[in-house]
Amino acid sequence: MANTYEAIATVTVGSGGAASINFTSIPATYTDLLIKLSVRCADVANDRQLFMKFNSVSLNRSSRVLRGSGSAASSYTSTDMETSRVDAAGSTSNTFSNIEVYVPNYSGSNNKSASSDGVTENNATAAFAELAAHLWSDTASINEVNFTVDGGTNFVQYSTATLYGIKNS
C-alpha cells in the first residue's frame, strides 16, 4: 500500500464467533478511511448480506447495489448500507468473502458517501461479485463503523477486518 495508508485497528474474530465487527474512537486525523474485510458467517445454508453503520446510526442511510452471480446480473436500492454477500458456513471449506469499503472525507461537515466492492468465494453452484454506492445523510464526523450480518448471523472465527486511515499527502 502507499505510504499514505496507516493501519488504525484490526479485528480478528475469536472462537465462538461474533455478532458484529466494530471500529470505535476513530481519530479525525485522516482525510479518508479504507476498511478491508475477510469474513464468513455461521449460517449453514445461505450466504448473507453484510450491513454497515456509521456512528451506530440506523437512520438516513441508503445504498445502490450491483450484483453479478456468474449467470445473472441485478441491481437494487436499499434503505440500509448493504456492502456485499458473506460466505456461509456451508460454502466451500475455509473460504472467506473479501470486501473493501472506501469512505472519502469521513470527518468533513457534508453528508457521507462510501463505496464497497466484494466477492464471495465458492467452488459450488454460485458465487457473487458486488459493487455498491452508499450515502449516509448526516453531517457528523464518522468516529465509529459497525458491521453486522443480516438475520442475526454471527461472523465465524478467523474473520478479520482492518481499518486504514488515508492521508491526503
N, C-alpha and C. Protein backbone atom coordinates (compact mmCIF):
# COMPACT_ATOMS: atom_id res chain seq x y z
N MET A 1 0.83 -1.19 0.00
CA MET A 1 0.00 0.00 0.00
C MET A 1 0.87 1.25 0.00
N ALA A 2 0.29 2.31 -0.45
CA ALA A 2 1.00 3.58 -0.50
C ALA A 2 1.39 4.03 0.91
N ASN A 3 2.40 4.88 0.99
CA ASN A 3 2.86 5.38 2.28
C ASN A 3 1.80 6.19 3.01
N THR A 4 0.77 6.61 2.30
CA THR A 4 -0.26 7.43 2.93
C THR A 4 -1.30 6.59 3.68
N TYR A 5 -1.25 5.27 3.57
CA TYR A 5 -2.16 4.38 4.29
C TYR A 5 -1.54 4.04 5.63
N GLU A 6 -2.34 4.14 6.69
CA GLU A 6 -1.86 3.77 8.01
C GLU A 6 -2.91 2.89 8.69
N ALA A 7 -2.50 1.70 9.10
CA ALA A 7 -3.41 0.80 9.80
C ALA A 7 -3.76 1.41 11.15
N ILE A 8 -5.06 1.58 11.40
CA ILE A 8 -5.53 2.14 12.66
C ILE A 8 -5.87 1.02 13.63
N ALA A 9 -6.58 -0.01 13.14
CA ALA A 9 -7.01 -1.10 14.02
C ALA A 9 -7.35 -2.33 13.19
N THR A 10 -7.18 -3.50 13.79
CA THR A 10 -7.57 -4.77 13.18
C THR A 10 -8.42 -5.53 14.18
N VAL A 11 -9.50 -6.14 13.69
CA VAL A 11 -10.36 -7.00 14.50
C VAL A 11 -10.28 -8.40 13.92
N THR A 12 -9.98 -9.38 14.76
CA THR A 12 -10.00 -10.79 14.37
C THR A 12 -10.98 -11.51 15.27
N VAL A 13 -11.94 -12.18 14.67
CA VAL A 13 -12.99 -12.87 15.43
C VAL A 13 -12.41 -14.13 16.05
N GLY A 14 -12.66 -14.32 17.32
CA GLY A 14 -12.15 -15.47 18.06
C GLY A 14 -13.11 -16.65 18.03
N SER A 15 -12.77 -17.70 18.76
CA SER A 15 -13.61 -18.89 18.82
C SER A 15 -14.98 -18.52 19.37
N GLY A 16 -16.00 -19.15 18.87
CA GLY A 16 -17.36 -18.83 19.28
C GLY A 16 -18.02 -17.80 18.40
N GLY A 17 -17.24 -17.11 17.55
CA GLY A 17 -17.82 -16.14 16.62
C GLY A 17 -18.10 -14.80 17.28
N ALA A 18 -18.68 -13.90 16.49
CA ALA A 18 -19.04 -12.56 16.98
C ALA A 18 -20.24 -12.04 16.21
N ALA A 19 -21.12 -11.36 16.92
CA ALA A 19 -22.32 -10.80 16.29
C ALA A 19 -22.01 -9.57 15.44
N SER A 20 -20.90 -8.89 15.73
CA SER A 20 -20.56 -7.68 14.96
C SER A 20 -19.06 -7.47 14.96
N ILE A 21 -18.62 -6.66 14.02
CA ILE A 21 -17.25 -6.17 13.97
C ILE A 21 -17.35 -4.66 14.07
N ASN A 22 -16.67 -4.09 15.06
CA ASN A 22 -16.80 -2.65 15.33
C ASN A 22 -15.45 -1.97 15.41
N PHE A 23 -15.40 -0.80 14.81
CA PHE A 23 -14.25 0.09 14.97
C PHE A 23 -14.77 1.33 15.67
N THR A 24 -14.20 1.65 16.82
CA THR A 24 -14.68 2.79 17.60
C THR A 24 -13.53 3.77 17.83
N SER A 25 -13.88 4.96 18.27
CA SER A 25 -12.89 6.01 18.58
C SER A 25 -11.96 6.27 17.40
N ILE A 26 -12.53 6.34 16.20
CA ILE A 26 -11.73 6.61 15.00
C ILE A 26 -11.28 8.07 15.04
N PRO A 27 -9.98 8.31 14.99
CA PRO A 27 -9.50 9.70 15.05
C PRO A 27 -9.84 10.46 13.77
N ALA A 28 -9.98 11.76 13.88
CA ALA A 28 -10.33 12.60 12.73
C ALA A 28 -9.08 13.18 12.06
N THR A 29 -7.98 12.45 12.13
CA THR A 29 -6.70 12.97 11.66
C THR A 29 -6.36 12.57 10.22
N TYR A 30 -7.26 11.86 9.55
CA TYR A 30 -7.03 11.42 8.18
C TYR A 30 -8.04 12.09 7.26
N THR A 31 -7.83 11.97 5.96
CA THR A 31 -8.81 12.51 5.03
C THR A 31 -9.86 11.46 4.67
N ASP A 32 -9.44 10.20 4.51
CA ASP A 32 -10.34 9.13 4.08
C ASP A 32 -10.10 7.89 4.94
N LEU A 33 -11.06 6.95 4.85
CA LEU A 33 -10.93 5.65 5.52
C LEU A 33 -11.04 4.53 4.50
N LEU A 34 -10.35 3.44 4.76
CA LEU A 34 -10.44 2.23 3.95
C LEU A 34 -10.56 1.06 4.91
N ILE A 35 -11.51 0.17 4.66
CA ILE A 35 -11.70 -1.00 5.51
C ILE A 35 -11.62 -2.22 4.61
N LYS A 36 -10.76 -3.16 4.98
CA LYS A 36 -10.62 -4.41 4.24
C LYS A 36 -11.12 -5.53 5.15
N LEU A 37 -12.06 -6.33 4.63
CA LEU A 37 -12.65 -7.41 5.41
C LEU A 37 -12.45 -8.75 4.71
N SER A 38 -12.17 -9.77 5.50
CA SER A 38 -12.16 -11.15 5.05
C SER A 38 -13.06 -11.88 6.03
N VAL A 39 -14.30 -12.17 5.62
CA VAL A 39 -15.33 -12.62 6.57
C VAL A 39 -16.11 -13.82 6.04
N ARG A 40 -16.65 -14.55 7.00
CA ARG A 40 -17.51 -15.71 6.73
C ARG A 40 -18.55 -15.73 7.84
N CYS A 41 -19.78 -16.18 7.52
CA CYS A 41 -20.84 -16.18 8.54
C CYS A 41 -21.21 -17.60 8.93
N ALA A 42 -21.90 -17.71 10.05
CA ALA A 42 -22.22 -19.01 10.64
C ALA A 42 -23.45 -19.67 10.04
N ASP A 43 -24.20 -18.99 9.17
CA ASP A 43 -25.37 -19.61 8.55
C ASP A 43 -24.91 -20.82 7.75
N VAL A 44 -25.52 -21.97 7.98
CA VAL A 44 -25.08 -23.20 7.34
C VAL A 44 -25.47 -23.25 5.87
N ALA A 45 -26.63 -22.71 5.52
CA ALA A 45 -27.15 -22.91 4.18
C ALA A 45 -27.00 -21.72 3.24
N ASN A 46 -27.08 -20.49 3.74
CA ASN A 46 -27.21 -19.35 2.83
C ASN A 46 -26.14 -18.29 3.06
N ASP A 47 -25.60 -17.78 1.94
CA ASP A 47 -24.79 -16.57 2.03
C ASP A 47 -25.70 -15.48 2.60
N ARG A 48 -25.13 -14.56 3.32
CA ARG A 48 -25.90 -13.48 3.93
C ARG A 48 -25.35 -12.13 3.49
N GLN A 49 -26.12 -11.08 3.73
CA GLN A 49 -25.71 -9.72 3.36
C GLN A 49 -24.98 -9.06 4.52
N LEU A 50 -23.92 -8.32 4.21
CA LEU A 50 -23.17 -7.57 5.22
C LEU A 50 -23.70 -6.14 5.26
N PHE A 51 -24.07 -5.69 6.47
CA PHE A 51 -24.59 -4.34 6.67
C PHE A 51 -23.55 -3.48 7.39
N MET A 52 -23.56 -2.19 7.07
CA MET A 52 -22.62 -1.25 7.67
C MET A 52 -23.39 -0.08 8.26
N LYS A 53 -22.92 0.41 9.42
CA LYS A 53 -23.47 1.61 10.05
C LYS A 53 -22.32 2.53 10.41
N PHE A 54 -22.59 3.82 10.35
CA PHE A 54 -21.65 4.81 10.85
C PHE A 54 -22.19 5.36 12.17
N ASN A 55 -21.34 5.46 13.17
CA ASN A 55 -21.70 6.03 14.48
C ASN A 55 -22.92 5.34 15.09
N SER A 56 -23.13 4.06 14.78
CA SER A 56 -24.25 3.26 15.30
C SER A 56 -25.62 3.83 14.93
N VAL A 57 -25.70 4.64 13.88
CA VAL A 57 -26.95 5.28 13.47
C VAL A 57 -27.62 4.46 12.38
N SER A 58 -28.91 4.17 12.55
CA SER A 58 -29.68 3.38 11.59
C SER A 58 -30.56 4.23 10.67
N LEU A 59 -30.49 5.54 10.80
CA LEU A 59 -31.36 6.42 10.02
C LEU A 59 -30.60 7.08 8.87
N ASN A 60 -31.36 7.53 7.87
CA ASN A 60 -30.83 8.33 6.76
C ASN A 60 -29.71 7.63 6.00
N ARG A 61 -29.88 6.34 5.77
CA ARG A 61 -28.89 5.55 5.04
C ARG A 61 -29.51 5.01 3.77
N SER A 62 -28.69 4.83 2.74
CA SER A 62 -29.17 4.21 1.51
C SER A 62 -28.00 3.61 0.74
N SER A 63 -28.33 2.66 -0.13
CA SER A 63 -27.33 2.00 -0.97
C SER A 63 -27.93 1.71 -2.33
N ARG A 64 -27.07 1.68 -3.33
CA ARG A 64 -27.41 1.18 -4.67
C ARG A 64 -26.42 0.07 -4.93
N VAL A 65 -26.93 -1.16 -5.11
CA VAL A 65 -26.09 -2.35 -5.21
C VAL A 65 -26.19 -2.95 -6.61
N LEU A 66 -25.05 -3.28 -7.19
CA LEU A 66 -24.97 -4.01 -8.46
C LEU A 66 -24.39 -5.38 -8.14
N ARG A 67 -25.08 -6.45 -8.58
CA ARG A 67 -24.67 -7.81 -8.22
C ARG A 67 -24.58 -8.68 -9.46
N GLY A 68 -23.52 -9.46 -9.53
CA GLY A 68 -23.39 -10.47 -10.57
C GLY A 68 -23.14 -11.81 -9.94
N SER A 69 -23.75 -12.86 -10.50
CA SER A 69 -23.60 -14.20 -9.92
C SER A 69 -22.83 -15.15 -10.84
N GLY A 70 -22.39 -14.68 -11.98
CA GLY A 70 -21.76 -15.56 -12.96
C GLY A 70 -22.74 -16.00 -14.01
N SER A 71 -24.04 -16.01 -13.66
CA SER A 71 -25.06 -16.39 -14.64
C SER A 71 -26.13 -15.32 -14.80
N ALA A 72 -26.15 -14.33 -13.91
CA ALA A 72 -27.15 -13.27 -14.00
C ALA A 72 -26.60 -12.01 -13.33
N ALA A 73 -27.20 -10.89 -13.70
CA ALA A 73 -26.84 -9.61 -13.09
C ALA A 73 -28.10 -8.93 -12.60
N SER A 74 -27.98 -8.17 -11.52
CA SER A 74 -29.13 -7.45 -10.99
C SER A 74 -28.65 -6.20 -10.28
N SER A 75 -29.60 -5.32 -9.98
CA SER A 75 -29.29 -4.14 -9.17
C SER A 75 -30.53 -3.80 -8.35
N TYR A 76 -30.30 -3.14 -7.25
CA TYR A 76 -31.41 -2.74 -6.39
C TYR A 76 -30.96 -1.61 -5.48
N THR A 77 -31.94 -0.95 -4.87
CA THR A 77 -31.66 0.08 -3.87
C THR A 77 -32.11 -0.45 -2.51
N SER A 78 -31.51 0.12 -1.47
CA SER A 78 -31.81 -0.31 -0.12
C SER A 78 -31.78 0.89 0.81
N THR A 79 -32.57 0.84 1.87
CA THR A 79 -32.53 1.89 2.88
C THR A 79 -31.54 1.56 3.98
N ASP A 80 -30.76 0.51 3.79
CA ASP A 80 -29.64 0.17 4.66
C ASP A 80 -28.36 0.36 3.86
N MET A 81 -27.22 0.30 4.52
CA MET A 81 -25.96 0.30 3.80
C MET A 81 -25.51 -1.15 3.66
N GLU A 82 -25.88 -1.77 2.53
CA GLU A 82 -25.56 -3.15 2.23
C GLU A 82 -24.29 -3.20 1.40
N THR A 83 -23.26 -3.86 1.92
CA THR A 83 -21.99 -3.84 1.22
C THR A 83 -21.80 -4.99 0.25
N SER A 84 -21.97 -6.23 0.70
CA SER A 84 -21.72 -7.39 -0.15
C SER A 84 -22.26 -8.64 0.54
N ARG A 85 -22.33 -9.72 -0.21
CA ARG A 85 -22.69 -11.01 0.38
C ARG A 85 -21.51 -11.55 1.18
N VAL A 86 -21.82 -12.39 2.17
CA VAL A 86 -20.82 -13.03 3.02
C VAL A 86 -20.96 -14.54 2.87
N ASP A 87 -19.85 -15.22 2.62
CA ASP A 87 -19.87 -16.67 2.51
C ASP A 87 -20.47 -17.30 3.75
N ALA A 88 -21.28 -18.35 3.54
CA ALA A 88 -21.90 -19.09 4.64
C ALA A 88 -21.00 -20.23 5.07
N ALA A 89 -21.27 -20.76 6.25
CA ALA A 89 -20.51 -21.91 6.76
C ALA A 89 -20.68 -23.12 5.84
N GLY A 90 -21.77 -23.15 5.07
CA GLY A 90 -22.00 -24.25 4.13
C GLY A 90 -21.31 -24.06 2.79
N SER A 91 -20.62 -22.94 2.60
CA SER A 91 -19.87 -22.71 1.36
C SER A 91 -18.61 -23.58 1.37
N THR A 92 -17.86 -23.51 0.29
CA THR A 92 -16.61 -24.26 0.19
C THR A 92 -15.77 -24.06 1.46
N SER A 93 -15.25 -25.14 1.99
CA SER A 93 -14.49 -25.10 3.25
C SER A 93 -13.38 -24.06 3.22
N ASN A 94 -13.24 -23.36 4.34
CA ASN A 94 -12.15 -22.43 4.56
C ASN A 94 -12.08 -21.27 3.56
N THR A 95 -13.21 -20.91 2.98
CA THR A 95 -13.22 -19.75 2.09
C THR A 95 -13.93 -18.59 2.79
N PHE A 96 -13.45 -17.40 2.55
CA PHE A 96 -13.96 -16.19 3.17
C PHE A 96 -14.26 -15.16 2.10
N SER A 97 -15.34 -14.42 2.27
CA SER A 97 -15.65 -13.31 1.36
C SER A 97 -14.62 -12.21 1.58
N ASN A 98 -14.29 -11.52 0.51
CA ASN A 98 -13.36 -10.40 0.59
C ASN A 98 -14.09 -9.13 0.19
N ILE A 99 -14.05 -8.13 1.06
CA ILE A 99 -14.81 -6.90 0.86
C ILE A 99 -13.92 -5.71 1.19
N GLU A 100 -14.03 -4.67 0.38
CA GLU A 100 -13.29 -3.43 0.63
C GLU A 100 -14.29 -2.27 0.63
N VAL A 101 -14.19 -1.42 1.65
CA VAL A 101 -15.07 -0.25 1.78
C VAL A 101 -14.19 1.00 1.81
N TYR A 102 -14.54 1.97 0.98
CA TYR A 102 -13.79 3.24 0.93
C TYR A 102 -14.72 4.37 1.35
N VAL A 103 -14.27 5.20 2.31
CA VAL A 103 -15.08 6.30 2.83
C VAL A 103 -14.28 7.60 2.68
N PRO A 104 -14.56 8.40 1.66
CA PRO A 104 -13.84 9.67 1.50
C PRO A 104 -14.39 10.74 2.44
N ASN A 105 -13.53 11.66 2.84
CA ASN A 105 -13.94 12.84 3.61
C ASN A 105 -14.83 12.49 4.81
N TYR A 106 -14.42 11.48 5.57
CA TYR A 106 -15.23 10.95 6.67
C TYR A 106 -15.39 11.92 7.84
N SER A 107 -14.49 12.89 7.96
CA SER A 107 -14.59 13.83 9.08
C SER A 107 -15.07 15.21 8.64
N GLY A 108 -15.45 15.34 7.38
CA GLY A 108 -15.95 16.62 6.87
C GLY A 108 -17.34 16.92 7.38
N SER A 109 -17.85 18.09 7.02
CA SER A 109 -19.16 18.53 7.52
C SER A 109 -20.28 18.34 6.49
N ASN A 110 -20.04 17.53 5.47
CA ASN A 110 -21.07 17.22 4.47
C ASN A 110 -21.63 15.83 4.72
N ASN A 111 -22.71 15.46 4.00
CA ASN A 111 -23.20 14.09 4.05
C ASN A 111 -22.08 13.15 3.65
N LYS A 112 -22.12 11.91 4.15
CA LYS A 112 -21.03 10.96 3.94
C LYS A 112 -21.38 9.94 2.87
N SER A 113 -20.48 9.79 1.91
CA SER A 113 -20.63 8.76 0.89
C SER A 113 -19.60 7.67 1.14
N ALA A 114 -19.84 6.50 0.57
CA ALA A 114 -18.89 5.39 0.66
C ALA A 114 -19.13 4.49 -0.54
N SER A 115 -18.14 3.69 -0.86
CA SER A 115 -18.30 2.68 -1.90
C SER A 115 -17.75 1.36 -1.38
N SER A 116 -18.28 0.27 -1.89
CA SER A 116 -17.79 -1.05 -1.47
C SER A 116 -17.72 -1.98 -2.67
N ASP A 117 -16.82 -2.93 -2.56
CA ASP A 117 -16.55 -3.90 -3.61
C ASP A 117 -16.33 -5.22 -2.90
N GLY A 118 -17.11 -6.26 -3.23
CA GLY A 118 -16.97 -7.52 -2.52
C GLY A 118 -17.23 -8.72 -3.38
N VAL A 119 -16.66 -9.86 -2.98
CA VAL A 119 -16.86 -11.12 -3.68
C VAL A 119 -17.03 -12.24 -2.66
N THR A 120 -17.85 -13.22 -3.01
CA THR A 120 -17.90 -14.46 -2.25
C THR A 120 -17.00 -15.46 -2.96
N GLU A 121 -16.54 -16.45 -2.23
CA GLU A 121 -15.70 -17.50 -2.79
C GLU A 121 -16.44 -18.81 -2.60
N ASN A 122 -16.67 -19.53 -3.70
CA ASN A 122 -17.42 -20.77 -3.59
C ASN A 122 -17.15 -21.62 -4.82
N ASN A 123 -16.73 -22.85 -4.63
CA ASN A 123 -16.47 -23.74 -5.75
C ASN A 123 -17.72 -24.51 -6.17
N ALA A 124 -18.86 -24.20 -5.57
CA ALA A 124 -20.10 -24.92 -5.87
C ALA A 124 -20.91 -24.18 -6.93
N THR A 125 -22.18 -24.00 -6.69
CA THR A 125 -23.10 -23.53 -7.71
C THR A 125 -23.06 -22.04 -8.02
N ALA A 126 -22.87 -21.21 -7.03
CA ALA A 126 -22.94 -19.77 -7.30
C ALA A 126 -21.97 -19.01 -6.42
N ALA A 127 -21.46 -17.94 -6.97
CA ALA A 127 -20.64 -17.00 -6.21
C ALA A 127 -21.05 -15.62 -6.68
N PHE A 128 -20.83 -14.61 -5.85
CA PHE A 128 -21.30 -13.27 -6.16
C PHE A 128 -20.14 -12.27 -6.21
N ALA A 129 -20.31 -11.28 -7.07
CA ALA A 129 -19.44 -10.11 -7.09
C ALA A 129 -20.38 -8.91 -6.98
N GLU A 130 -20.08 -7.99 -6.07
CA GLU A 130 -20.99 -6.86 -5.85
C GLU A 130 -20.21 -5.55 -5.73
N LEU A 131 -20.80 -4.52 -6.30
CA LEU A 131 -20.33 -3.14 -6.13
C LEU A 131 -21.49 -2.36 -5.55
N ALA A 132 -21.20 -1.45 -4.63
CA ALA A 132 -22.29 -0.67 -4.04
C ALA A 132 -21.82 0.76 -3.77
N ALA A 133 -22.77 1.68 -3.92
CA ALA A 133 -22.56 3.08 -3.54
C ALA A 133 -23.47 3.35 -2.36
N HIS A 134 -22.95 4.03 -1.34
CA HIS A 134 -23.68 4.26 -0.10
C HIS A 134 -23.74 5.75 0.22
N LEU A 135 -24.83 6.14 0.87
CA LEU A 135 -24.95 7.51 1.34
C LEU A 135 -25.52 7.50 2.75
N TRP A 136 -24.86 8.23 3.64
CA TRP A 136 -25.37 8.49 4.97
C TRP A 136 -25.65 9.98 5.00
N SER A 137 -26.92 10.34 5.03
CA SER A 137 -27.32 11.76 5.01
C SER A 137 -27.22 12.35 6.40
N ASP A 138 -25.98 12.59 6.81
CA ASP A 138 -25.69 13.14 8.13
C ASP A 138 -24.35 13.87 8.02
N THR A 139 -24.24 14.99 8.67
CA THR A 139 -23.02 15.80 8.58
C THR A 139 -22.04 15.54 9.73
N ALA A 140 -22.37 14.63 10.62
CA ALA A 140 -21.47 14.31 11.74
C ALA A 140 -20.20 13.64 11.23
N SER A 141 -19.11 13.89 11.91
CA SER A 141 -17.85 13.21 11.62
C SER A 141 -18.01 11.73 11.99
N ILE A 142 -17.49 10.84 11.16
CA ILE A 142 -17.59 9.41 11.45
C ILE A 142 -16.50 9.04 12.45
N ASN A 143 -16.91 8.54 13.60
CA ASN A 143 -15.94 8.09 14.60
C ASN A 143 -16.13 6.62 14.97
N GLU A 144 -17.08 5.98 14.29
CA GLU A 144 -17.35 4.57 14.56
C GLU A 144 -17.92 3.93 13.30
N VAL A 145 -17.47 2.71 12.98
CA VAL A 145 -18.00 1.93 11.87
C VAL A 145 -18.35 0.55 12.41
N ASN A 146 -19.58 0.09 12.15
CA ASN A 146 -20.07 -1.19 12.64
C ASN A 146 -20.48 -2.07 11.46
N PHE A 147 -20.16 -3.36 11.54
CA PHE A 147 -20.57 -4.33 10.52
C PHE A 147 -21.33 -5.46 11.19
N THR A 148 -22.46 -5.85 10.59
CA THR A 148 -23.24 -6.99 11.05
C THR A 148 -23.70 -7.78 9.82
N VAL A 149 -24.08 -9.03 10.07
CA VAL A 149 -24.60 -9.89 9.02
C VAL A 149 -26.10 -10.00 9.22
N ASP A 150 -26.86 -9.96 8.11
CA ASP A 150 -28.33 -9.99 8.25
C ASP A 150 -28.79 -11.30 8.90
N GLY A 151 -29.99 -11.25 9.45
CA GLY A 151 -30.57 -12.42 10.11
C GLY A 151 -29.97 -12.72 11.47
N GLY A 152 -29.18 -11.79 12.01
CA GLY A 152 -28.56 -12.02 13.31
C GLY A 152 -27.50 -13.10 13.29
N THR A 153 -26.99 -13.39 12.11
CA THR A 153 -25.99 -14.43 11.96
C THR A 153 -24.61 -13.94 12.42
N ASN A 154 -23.87 -14.77 13.12
CA ASN A 154 -22.54 -14.39 13.60
C ASN A 154 -21.48 -14.49 12.52
N PHE A 155 -20.40 -13.71 12.70
CA PHE A 155 -19.18 -13.91 11.96
C PHE A 155 -18.48 -15.11 12.59
N VAL A 156 -17.82 -15.94 11.78
CA VAL A 156 -17.13 -17.10 12.33
C VAL A 156 -15.69 -16.75 12.72
N GLN A 157 -15.09 -17.65 13.48
CA GLN A 157 -13.70 -17.49 13.90
C GLN A 157 -12.80 -17.26 12.69
N TYR A 158 -11.81 -16.43 12.86
CA TYR A 158 -10.81 -16.04 11.87
C TYR A 158 -11.30 -15.00 10.86
N SER A 159 -12.55 -14.58 10.95
CA SER A 159 -12.96 -13.43 10.16
C SER A 159 -12.15 -12.23 10.63
N THR A 160 -11.69 -11.42 9.70
CA THR A 160 -10.86 -10.27 10.08
C THR A 160 -11.29 -9.01 9.33
N ALA A 161 -11.00 -7.88 9.94
CA ALA A 161 -11.24 -6.58 9.30
C ALA A 161 -10.14 -5.64 9.77
N THR A 162 -9.62 -4.87 8.84
CA THR A 162 -8.60 -3.87 9.18
C THR A 162 -9.05 -2.51 8.68
N LEU A 163 -8.96 -1.53 9.57
CA LEU A 163 -9.31 -0.15 9.28
C LEU A 163 -8.03 0.62 9.00
N TYR A 164 -8.00 1.32 7.86
CA TYR A 164 -6.86 2.15 7.49
C TYR A 164 -7.29 3.60 7.42
N GLY A 165 -6.43 4.48 7.88
CA GLY A 165 -6.60 5.90 7.67
C GLY A 165 -5.76 6.31 6.47
N ILE A 166 -6.27 7.20 5.64
CA ILE A 166 -5.55 7.64 4.44
C ILE A 166 -5.31 9.14 4.57
N LYS A 167 -4.06 9.52 4.43
CA LYS A 167 -3.71 10.94 4.49
C LYS A 167 -3.58 11.49 3.08
N ASN A 168 -4.10 12.65 2.85
CA ASN A 168 -4.01 13.31 1.55
C ASN A 168 -2.68 14.05 1.49
N SER A 169 -1.64 13.30 1.10
CA SER A 169 -0.31 13.93 1.02
C SER A 169 0.43 13.50 -0.22
